[in-house]
């Protein structure tokens, strides 16, 4: 398992991992969706540096990242032949 560190606490040389991690976008979307408008939810979102206003952005990015990975997988599976002739 693991844990999520807020973006402002990550060293600059590792921040790219934070931005390309599809699981972060999914977790962010789930948290914003489930707890976005409650008092506890607002406190949680503020503590992580997230925003309820950007809730659709998280969904778009997660879908885009997974679609890109699936497309690359399909291309690799159809173009790479592991048979030696």
PDB file of N, CA and C in Angstrom:
ATOM      1  N   UNK A   1       0.840  -1.168   0.000  1.00  0.00           N
ATOM      2  CA  UNK A   1       0.000   0.000   0.000  1.00  0.00           C
ATOM      3  C   UNK A   1       0.890   1.237   0.000  1.00  0.00           C
ATOM      4  N   UNK A   2       0.350   2.317   0.404  1.00  0.00           N
ATOM      5  CA  UNK A   2       1.126   3.539   0.417  1.00  0.00           C
ATOM      6  C   UNK A   2       0.317   4.658   1.038  1.00  0.00           C
ATOM      7  N   UNK A   3       0.782   5.847   0.841  1.00  0.00           N
ATOM      8  CA  UNK A   3       0.081   7.013   1.348  1.00  0.00           C
ATOM      9  C   UNK A   3       0.293   8.144   0.361  1.00  0.00           C
ATOM     10  N   UNK A   4      -0.525   9.155   0.476  1.00  0.00           N
ATOM     11  CA  UNK A   4      -0.471  10.285  -0.442  1.00  0.00           C
ATOM     12  C   UNK A   4       0.064  11.504   0.285  1.00  0.00           C
ATOM     13  N   UNK A   5       1.104  12.067  -0.250  1.00  0.00           N
ATOM     14  CA  UNK A   5       1.704  13.274   0.314  1.00  0.00           C
ATOM     15  C   UNK A   5       1.141  14.465  -0.457  1.00  0.00           C
ATOM     16  N   UNK A   6       0.727  15.528   0.215  1.00  0.00           N
ATOM     17  CA  UNK A   6       0.249  16.711  -0.502  1.00  0.00           C
ATOM     18  C   UNK A   6       1.321  17.255  -1.446  1.00  0.00           C
ATOM     19  N   UNK A   7       0.869  17.802  -2.566  1.00  0.00           N
ATOM     20  CA  UNK A   7       1.786  18.283  -3.600  1.00  0.00           C
ATOM     21  C   UNK A   7       2.782  19.323  -3.127  1.00  0.00           C
ATOM     22  N   UNK A   8       2.394  20.158  -2.168  1.00  0.00           N
ATOM     23  CA  UNK A   8       3.312  21.196  -1.702  1.00  0.00           C
ATOM     24  C   UNK A   8       4.402  20.654  -0.774  1.00  0.00           C
ATOM     25  N   UNK A   9       4.278  19.390  -0.349  1.00  0.00           N
ATOM     26  CA  UNK A   9       5.287  18.789   0.534  1.00  0.00           C
ATOM     27  C   UNK A   9       6.267  17.875  -0.220  1.00  0.00           C
ATOM     28  N   UNK A  10       6.044  17.688  -1.513  1.00  0.00           N
ATOM     29  CA  UNK A  10       6.899  16.815  -2.319  1.00  0.00           C
ATOM     30  C   UNK A  10       8.083  17.618  -2.853  1.00  0.00           C
ATOM     31  N   UNK A  11       9.298  17.057  -2.791  1.00  0.00           N
ATOM     32  CA  UNK A  11      10.461  17.761  -3.342  1.00  0.00           C
ATOM     33  C   UNK A  11      10.292  18.013  -4.843  1.00  0.00           C
ATOM     34  N   UNK A  12      10.855  19.091  -5.348  1.00  0.00           N
ATOM     35  CA  UNK A  12      10.664  19.462  -6.760  1.00  0.00           C
ATOM     36  C   UNK A  12      11.105  18.381  -7.744  1.00  0.00           C
ATOM     37  N   UNK A  13      12.108  17.595  -7.408  1.00  0.00           N
ATOM     38  CA  UNK A  13      12.585  16.596  -8.360  1.00  0.00           C
ATOM     39  C   UNK A  13      11.685  15.363  -8.416  1.00  0.00           C
ATOM     40  N   UNK A  14      10.690  15.243  -7.507  1.00  0.00           N
ATOM     41  CA  UNK A  14       9.741  14.133  -7.539  1.00  0.00           C
ATOM     42  C   UNK A  14       8.318  14.564  -7.894  1.00  0.00           C
ATOM     43  N   UNK A  15       8.092  15.830  -8.122  1.00  0.00           N
ATOM     44  CA  UNK A  15       6.727  16.321  -8.334  1.00  0.00           C
ATOM     45  C   UNK A  15       6.120  15.760  -9.608  1.00  0.00           C
ATOM     46  N   UNK A  16       6.923  15.397 -10.587  1.00  0.00           N
ATOM     47  CA  UNK A  16       6.390  14.847 -11.826  1.00  0.00           C
ATOM     48  C   UNK A  16       5.663  13.535 -11.555  1.00  0.00           C
ATOM     49  N   UNK A  17       6.098  12.747 -10.585  1.00  0.00           N
ATOM     50  CA  UNK A  17       5.416  11.500 -10.247  1.00  0.00           C
ATOM     51  C   UNK A  17       4.020  11.808  -9.702  1.00  0.00           C
ATOM     52  N   UNK A  18       3.935  12.848  -8.911  1.00  0.00           N
ATOM     53  CA  UNK A  18       2.642  13.265  -8.343  1.00  0.00           C
ATOM     54  C   UNK A  18       1.660  13.624  -9.455  1.00  0.00           C
ATOM     55  N   UNK A  19       2.132  14.301 -10.490  1.00  0.00           N
ATOM     56  CA  UNK A  19       1.239  14.780 -11.539  1.00  0.00           C
ATOM     57  C   UNK A  19       0.857  13.702 -12.540  1.00  0.00           C
ATOM     58  N   UNK A  20       1.654  12.656 -12.722  1.00  0.00           N
ATOM     59  CA  UNK A  20       1.290  11.617 -13.695  1.00  0.00           C
ATOM     60  C   UNK A  20       0.661  10.392 -13.050  1.00  0.00           C
ATOM     61  N   UNK A  21       0.488  10.387 -11.743  1.00  0.00           N
ATOM     62  CA  UNK A  21      -0.061   9.237 -11.041  1.00  0.00           C
ATOM     63  C   UNK A  21      -1.583   9.176 -11.229  1.00  0.00           C
ATOM     64  N   UNK A  22      -2.087   8.192 -11.998  1.00  0.00           N
ATOM     65  CA  UNK A  22      -3.537   8.128 -12.206  1.00  0.00           C
ATOM     66  C   UNK A  22      -4.306   7.798 -10.932  1.00  0.00           C
ATOM     67  N   UNK A  23      -3.696   7.098 -10.010  1.00  0.00           N
ATOM     68  CA  UNK A  23      -4.377   6.769  -8.763  1.00  0.00           C
ATOM     69  C   UNK A  23      -4.642   8.016  -7.925  1.00  0.00           C
ATOM     70  N   UNK A  24      -3.778   9.000  -8.030  1.00  0.00           N
ATOM     71  CA  UNK A  24      -4.000  10.258  -7.308  1.00  0.00           C
ATOM     72  C   UNK A  24      -5.263  10.937  -7.826  1.00  0.00           C
ATOM     73  N   UNK A  25      -5.415  10.961  -9.149  1.00  0.00           N
ATOM     74  CA  UNK A  25      -6.599  11.596  -9.726  1.00  0.00           C
ATOM     75  C   UNK A  25      -7.871  10.841  -9.356  1.00  0.00           C
ATOM     76  N   UNK A  26      -7.813   9.519  -9.323  1.00  0.00           N
ATOM     77  CA  UNK A  26      -8.988   8.745  -8.924  1.00  0.00           C
ATOM     78  C   UNK A  26      -9.332   8.993  -7.461  1.00  0.00           C
ATOM     79  N   UNK A  27      -8.326   8.946  -6.592  1.00  0.00           N
ATOM     80  CA  UNK A  27      -8.576   9.196  -5.167  1.00  0.00           C
ATOM     81  C   UNK A  27      -9.116  10.603  -4.958  1.00  0.00           C
ATOM     82  N   UNK A  28      -8.532  11.546  -5.649  1.00  0.00           N
ATOM     83  CA  UNK A  28      -8.970  12.925  -5.538  1.00  0.00           C
ATOM     84  C   UNK A  28     -10.429  13.055  -5.987  1.00  0.00           C
ATOM     85  N   UNK A  29     -10.769  12.411  -7.091  1.00  0.00           N
ATOM     86  CA  UNK A  29     -12.140  12.448  -7.576  1.00  0.00           C
ATOM     87  C   UNK A  29     -13.118  11.801  -6.608  1.00  0.00           C
ATOM     88  N   UNK A  30     -12.727  10.659  -6.036  1.00  0.00           N
ATOM     89  CA  UNK A  30     -13.600   9.977  -5.076  1.00  0.00           C
ATOM     90  C   UNK A  30     -13.809  10.826  -3.818  1.00  0.00           C
ATOM     91  N   UNK A  31     -12.738  11.378  -3.296  1.00  0.00           N
ATOM     92  CA  UNK A  31     -12.839  12.176  -2.073  1.00  0.00           C
ATOM     93  C   UNK A  31     -13.678  13.425  -2.319  1.00  0.00           C
ATOM     94  N   UNK A  32     -13.442  14.082  -3.430  1.00  0.00           N
ATOM     95  CA  UNK A  32     -14.197  15.294  -3.746  1.00  0.00           C
ATOM     96  C   UNK A  32     -15.672  14.959  -3.944  1.00  0.00           C
ATOM     97  N   UNK A  33     -15.949  13.836  -4.595  1.00  0.00           N
ATOM     98  CA  UNK A  33     -17.327  13.446  -4.845  1.00  0.00           C
ATOM     99  C   UNK A  33     -18.058  13.073  -3.561  1.00  0.00           C
ATOM    100  N   UNK A  34     -17.411  12.327  -2.698  1.00  0.00           N
ATOM    101  CA  UNK A  34     -18.075  11.825  -1.503  1.00  0.00           C
ATOM    102  C   UNK A  34     -18.140  12.851  -0.367  1.00  0.00           C
ATOM    103  N   UNK A  35     -17.103  13.633  -0.196  1.00  0.00           N
ATOM    104  CA  UNK A  35     -17.032  14.498   0.979  1.00  0.00           C
ATOM    105  C   UNK A  35     -16.895  15.972   0.628  1.00  0.00           C
ATOM    106  N   UNK A  36     -17.140  16.328  -0.605  1.00  0.00           N
ATOM    107  CA  UNK A  36     -16.847  17.674  -1.068  1.00  0.00           C
ATOM    108  C   UNK A  36     -17.573  18.799  -0.388  1.00  0.00           C
ATOM    109  N   UNK A  37     -18.850  18.631  -0.099  1.00  0.00           N
ATOM    110  CA  UNK A  37     -19.611  19.766   0.418  1.00  0.00           C
ATOM    111  C   UNK A  37     -19.831  19.723   1.924  1.00  0.00           C
ATOM    112  N   UNK A  38     -19.415  18.656   2.598  1.00  0.00           N
ATOM    113  CA  UNK A  38     -19.595  18.598   4.051  1.00  0.00           C
ATOM    114  C   UNK A  38     -18.471  19.361   4.753  1.00  0.00           C
ATOM    115  N   UNK A  39     -18.654  19.641   6.011  1.00  0.00           N
ATOM    116  CA  UNK A  39     -17.638  20.385   6.772  1.00  0.00           C
ATOM    117  C   UNK A  39     -16.352  19.576   6.895  1.00  0.00           C
ATOM    118  N   UNK A  40     -16.485  18.283   7.168  1.00  0.00           N
ATOM    119  CA  UNK A  40     -15.292  17.424   7.269  1.00  0.00           C
ATOM    120  C   UNK A  40     -14.624  17.302   5.913  1.00  0.00           C
ATOM    121  N   UNK A  41     -15.446  17.193   4.860  1.00  0.00           N
ATOM    122  CA  UNK A  41     -14.896  17.087   3.512  1.00  0.00           C
ATOM    123  C   UNK A  41     -14.117  18.316   3.095  1.00  0.00           C
ATOM    124  N   UNK A  42     -14.653  19.477   3.427  1.00  0.00           N
ATOM    125  CA  UNK A  42     -13.956  20.715   3.084  1.00  0.00           C
ATOM    126  C   UNK A  42     -12.627  20.818   3.826  1.00  0.00           C
ATOM    127  N   UNK A  43     -12.612  20.374   5.077  1.00  0.00           N
ATOM    128  CA  UNK A  43     -11.369  20.389   5.848  1.00  0.00           C
ATOM    129  C   UNK A  43     -10.353  19.411   5.257  1.00  0.00           C
ATOM    130  N   UNK A  44     -10.814  18.237   4.864  1.00  0.00           N
ATOM    131  CA  UNK A  44      -9.940  17.238   4.251  1.00  0.00           C
ATOM    132  C   UNK A  44      -9.369  17.738   2.931  1.00  0.00           C
ATOM    133  N   UNK A  45     -10.230  18.312   2.096  1.00  0.00           N
ATOM    134  CA  UNK A  45      -9.775  18.833   0.806  1.00  0.00           C
ATOM    135  C   UNK A  45      -8.781  19.970   0.988  1.00  0.00           C
ATOM    136  N   UNK A  46      -9.048  20.838   1.939  1.00  0.00           N
ATOM    137  CA  UNK A  46      -8.132  21.954   2.197  1.00  0.00           C
ATOM    138  C   UNK A  46      -6.781  21.446   2.688  1.00  0.00           C
ATOM    139  N   UNK A  47      -6.799  20.418   3.531  1.00  0.00           N
ATOM    140  CA  UNK A  47      -5.552  19.859   4.051  1.00  0.00           C
ATOM    141  C   UNK A  47      -4.687  19.223   2.970  1.00  0.00           C
ATOM    142  N   UNK A  48      -5.327  18.666   1.940  1.00  0.00           N
ATOM    143  CA  UNK A  48      -4.586  18.039   0.841  1.00  0.00           C
ATOM    144  C   UNK A  48      -4.287  19.019  -0.287  1.00  0.00           C
ATOM    145  N   UNK A  49      -4.843  20.213  -0.203  1.00  0.00           N
ATOM    146  CA  UNK A  49      -4.618  21.200  -1.258  1.00  0.00           C
ATOM    147  C   UNK A  49      -5.484  20.959  -2.485  1.00  0.00           C
ATOM    148  N   UNK A  50      -6.608  20.257  -2.302  1.00  0.00           N
ATOM    149  CA  UNK A  50      -7.521  19.966  -3.399  1.00  0.00           C
ATOM    150  C   UNK A  50      -8.682  20.932  -3.378  1.00  0.00           C
ATOM    151  N   UNK A  51      -9.480  20.904  -4.436  1.00  0.00           N
ATOM    152  CA  UNK A  51     -10.601  21.827  -4.538  1.00  0.00           C
ATOM    153  C   UNK A  51     -11.841  21.100  -5.052  1.00  0.00           C
ATOM    154  N   UNK A  52     -12.989  21.440  -4.496  1.00  0.00           N
ATOM    155  CA  UNK A  52     -14.251  20.870  -4.979  1.00  0.00           C
ATOM    156  C   UNK A  52     -14.602  21.423  -6.356  1.00  0.00           C
ATOM    157  N   UNK A  53     -14.131  22.622  -6.664  1.00  0.00           N
ATOM    158  CA  UNK A  53     -14.449  23.246  -7.950  1.00  0.00           C
ATOM    159  C   UNK A  53     -13.815  22.519  -9.130  1.00  0.00           C
ATOM    160  N   UNK A  54     -12.698  21.842  -8.902  1.00  0.00           N
ATOM    161  CA  UNK A  54     -12.017  21.148  -9.991  1.00  0.00           C
ATOM    162  C   UNK A  54     -12.397  19.689 -10.112  1.00  0.00           C
ATOM    163  N   UNK A  55     -13.578  19.301  -9.621  1.00  0.00           N
ATOM    164  CA  UNK A  55     -13.944  17.883  -9.547  1.00  0.00           C
ATOM    165  C   UNK A  55     -14.002  17.211 -10.912  1.00  0.00           C
ATOM    166  N   UNK A  56     -14.430  17.879 -11.961  1.00  0.00           N
ATOM    167  CA  UNK A  56     -14.488  17.237 -13.275  1.00  0.00           C
ATOM    168  C   UNK A  56     -13.101  17.103 -13.888  1.00  0.00           C
ATOM    169  N   UNK A  57     -12.213  17.985 -13.557  1.00  0.00           N
ATOM    170  CA  UNK A  57     -10.852  17.909 -14.067  1.00  0.00           C
ATOM    171  C   UNK A  57     -10.209  16.586 -13.661  1.00  0.00           C
ATOM    172  N   UNK A  58     -10.442  16.145 -12.432  1.00  0.00           N
ATOM    173  CA  UNK A  58      -9.854  14.901 -11.945  1.00  0.00           C
ATOM    174  C   UNK A  58     -10.358  13.709 -12.753  1.00  0.00           C
ATOM    175  N   UNK A  59     -11.623  13.713 -13.077  1.00  0.00           N
ATOM    176  CA  UNK A  59     -12.198  12.625 -13.875  1.00  0.00           C
ATOM    177  C   UNK A  59     -11.614  12.616 -15.284  1.00  0.00           C
ATOM    178  N   UNK A  60     -11.508  13.769 -15.899  1.00  0.00           N
ATOM    179  CA  UNK A  60     -10.968  13.847 -17.263  1.00  0.00           C
ATOM    180  C   UNK A  60      -9.531  13.343 -17.312  1.00  0.00           C
ATOM    181  N   UNK A  61      -8.728  13.759 -16.376  1.00  0.00           N
ATOM    182  CA  UNK A  61      -7.324  13.360 -16.369  1.00  0.00           C
ATOM    183  C   UNK A  61      -7.187  11.860 -16.125  1.00  0.00           C
ATOM    184  N   UNK A  62      -7.951  11.309 -15.197  1.00  0.00           N
ATOM    185  CA  UNK A  62      -7.879   9.867 -14.919  1.00  0.00           C
ATOM    186  C   UNK A  62      -8.279   9.065 -16.148  1.00  0.00           C
ATOM    187  N   UNK A  63      -9.351   9.453 -16.818  1.00  0.00           N
ATOM    188  CA  UNK A  63      -9.782   8.753 -18.026  1.00  0.00           C
ATOM    189  C   UNK A  63      -8.742   8.892 -19.129  1.00  0.00           C
ATOM    190  N   UNK A  64      -8.180  10.067 -19.288  1.00  0.00           N
ATOM    191  CA  UNK A  64      -7.160  10.287 -20.312  1.00  0.00           C
ATOM    192  C   UNK A  64      -5.914   9.442 -20.050  1.00  0.00           C
ATOM    193  N   UNK A  65      -5.458   9.390 -18.809  1.00  0.00           N
ATOM    194  CA  UNK A  65      -4.275   8.589 -18.487  1.00  0.00           C
ATOM    195  C   UNK A  65      -4.521   7.096 -18.719  1.00  0.00           C
ATOM    196  N   UNK A  66      -5.673   6.601 -18.301  1.00  0.00           N
ATOM    197  CA  UNK A  66      -5.971   5.186 -18.521  1.00  0.00           C
ATOM    198  C   UNK A  66      -6.194   4.877 -20.001  1.00  0.00           C
ATOM    199  N   UNK A  67      -6.816   5.768 -20.753  1.00  0.00           N
ATOM    200  CA  UNK A  67      -7.000   5.558 -22.188  1.00  0.00           C
ATOM    201  C   UNK A  67      -5.658   5.531 -22.909  1.00  0.00           C
ATOM    202  N   UNK A  68      -4.746   6.405 -22.517  1.00  0.00           N
ATOM    203  CA  UNK A  68      -3.411   6.412 -23.107  1.00  0.00           C
ATOM    204  C   UNK A  68      -2.679   5.114 -22.810  1.00  0.00           C
ATOM    205  N   UNK A  69      -2.733   4.658 -21.573  1.00  0.00           N
ATOM    206  CA  UNK A  69      -2.070   3.401 -21.208  1.00  0.00           C
ATOM    207  C   UNK A  69      -2.689   2.224 -21.950  1.00  0.00           C
ATOM    208  N   UNK A  70      -4.010   2.183 -22.063  1.00  0.00           N
ATOM    209  CA  UNK A  70      -4.673   1.094 -22.782  1.00  0.00           C
ATOM    210  C   UNK A  70      -4.324   1.128 -24.263  1.00  0.00           C
ATOM    211  N   UNK A  71      -4.280   2.311 -24.857  1.00  0.00           N
ATOM    212  CA  UNK A  71      -3.920   2.431 -26.271  1.00  0.00           C
ATOM    213  C   UNK A  71      -2.498   1.967 -26.520  1.00  0.00           C
ATOM    214  N   UNK A  72      -1.575   2.361 -25.659  1.00  0.00           N
ATOM    215  CA  UNK A  72      -0.197   1.911 -25.803  1.00  0.00           C
ATOM    216  C   UNK A  72      -0.101   0.395 -25.636  1.00  0.00           C
ATOM    217  N   UNK A  73      -0.872  -0.156 -24.731  1.00  0.00           N
ATOM    218  CA  UNK A  73      -0.883  -1.603 -24.543  1.00  0.00           C
ATOM    219  C   UNK A  73      -1.406  -2.338 -25.757  1.00  0.00           C
ATOM    220  N   UNK A  74      -2.470  -1.828 -26.363  1.00  0.00           N
ATOM    221  CA  UNK A  74      -3.027  -2.458 -27.561  1.00  0.00           C
ATOM    222  C   UNK A  74      -2.031  -2.366 -28.715  1.00  0.00           C
ATOM    223  N   UNK A  75      -1.442  -1.217 -28.918  1.00  0.00           N
ATOM    224  CA  UNK A  75      -0.453  -1.054 -29.984  1.00  0.00           C
ATOM    225  C   UNK A  75       0.730  -1.987 -29.754  1.00  0.00           C
ATOM    226  N   UNK A  76       1.219  -2.054 -28.548  1.00  0.00           N
ATOM    227  CA  UNK A  76       2.354  -2.938 -28.253  1.00  0.00           C
ATOM    228  C   UNK A  76       1.975  -4.399 -28.458  1.00  0.00           C
ATOM    229  N   UNK A  77       0.777  -4.787 -28.053  1.00  0.00           N
ATOM    230  CA  UNK A  77       0.365  -6.190 -28.193  1.00  0.00           C
ATOM    231  C   UNK A  77       0.150  -6.585 -29.643  1.00  0.00           C
ATOM    232  N   UNK A  78      -0.275  -5.661 -30.479  1.00  0.00           N
ATOM    233  CA  UNK A  78      -0.524  -6.001 -31.879  1.00  0.00           C
ATOM    234  C   UNK A  78       0.706  -5.838 -32.761  1.00  0.00           C
ATOM    235  N   UNK A  79       1.632  -5.006 -32.360  1.00  0.00           N
ATOM    236  CA  UNK A  79       2.790  -4.736 -33.203  1.00  0.00           C
ATOM    237  C   UNK A  79       4.023  -5.549 -32.840  1.00  0.00           C
ATOM    238  N   UNK A  80       4.110  -6.008 -31.622  1.00  0.00           N
ATOM    239  CA  UNK A  80       5.289  -6.763 -31.194  1.00  0.00           C
ATOM    240  C   UNK A  80       4.986  -8.243 -31.346  1.00  0.00           C
ATOM    241  N   UNK A  81       5.807  -8.913 -32.111  1.00  0.00           N
ATOM    242  CA  UNK A  81       5.665 -10.350 -32.271  1.00  0.00           C
ATOM    243  C   UNK A  81       6.751 -11.033 -31.469  1.00  0.00           C
ATOM    244  N   UNK A  82       6.342 -11.890 -30.554  1.00  0.00           N
ATOM    245  CA  UNK A  82       7.296 -12.571 -29.709  1.00  0.00           C
ATOM    246  C   UNK A  82       7.729 -13.906 -30.308  1.00  0.00           C
ATOM    247  N   UNK A  83       7.191 -14.244 -31.467  1.00  0.00           N
ATOM    248  CA  UNK A  83       7.566 -15.481 -32.114  1.00  0.00           C
ATOM    249  C   UNK A  83       8.832 -15.283 -32.948  1.00  0.00           C
ATOM    250  N   UNK A  84       9.754 -16.177 -32.801  1.00  0.00           N
ATOM    251  CA  UNK A  84      10.989 -16.094 -33.608  1.00  0.00           C
ATOM    252  C   UNK A  84      10.800 -17.008 -34.815  1.00  0.00           C
ATOM    253  N   UNK A  85      10.998 -16.479 -35.987  1.00  0.00           N
ATOM    254  CA  UNK A  85      10.842 -17.298 -37.201  1.00  0.00           C
ATOM    255  C   UNK A  85      12.150 -17.479 -37.873  1.00  0.00           C
TER     256      UNK A  85
END
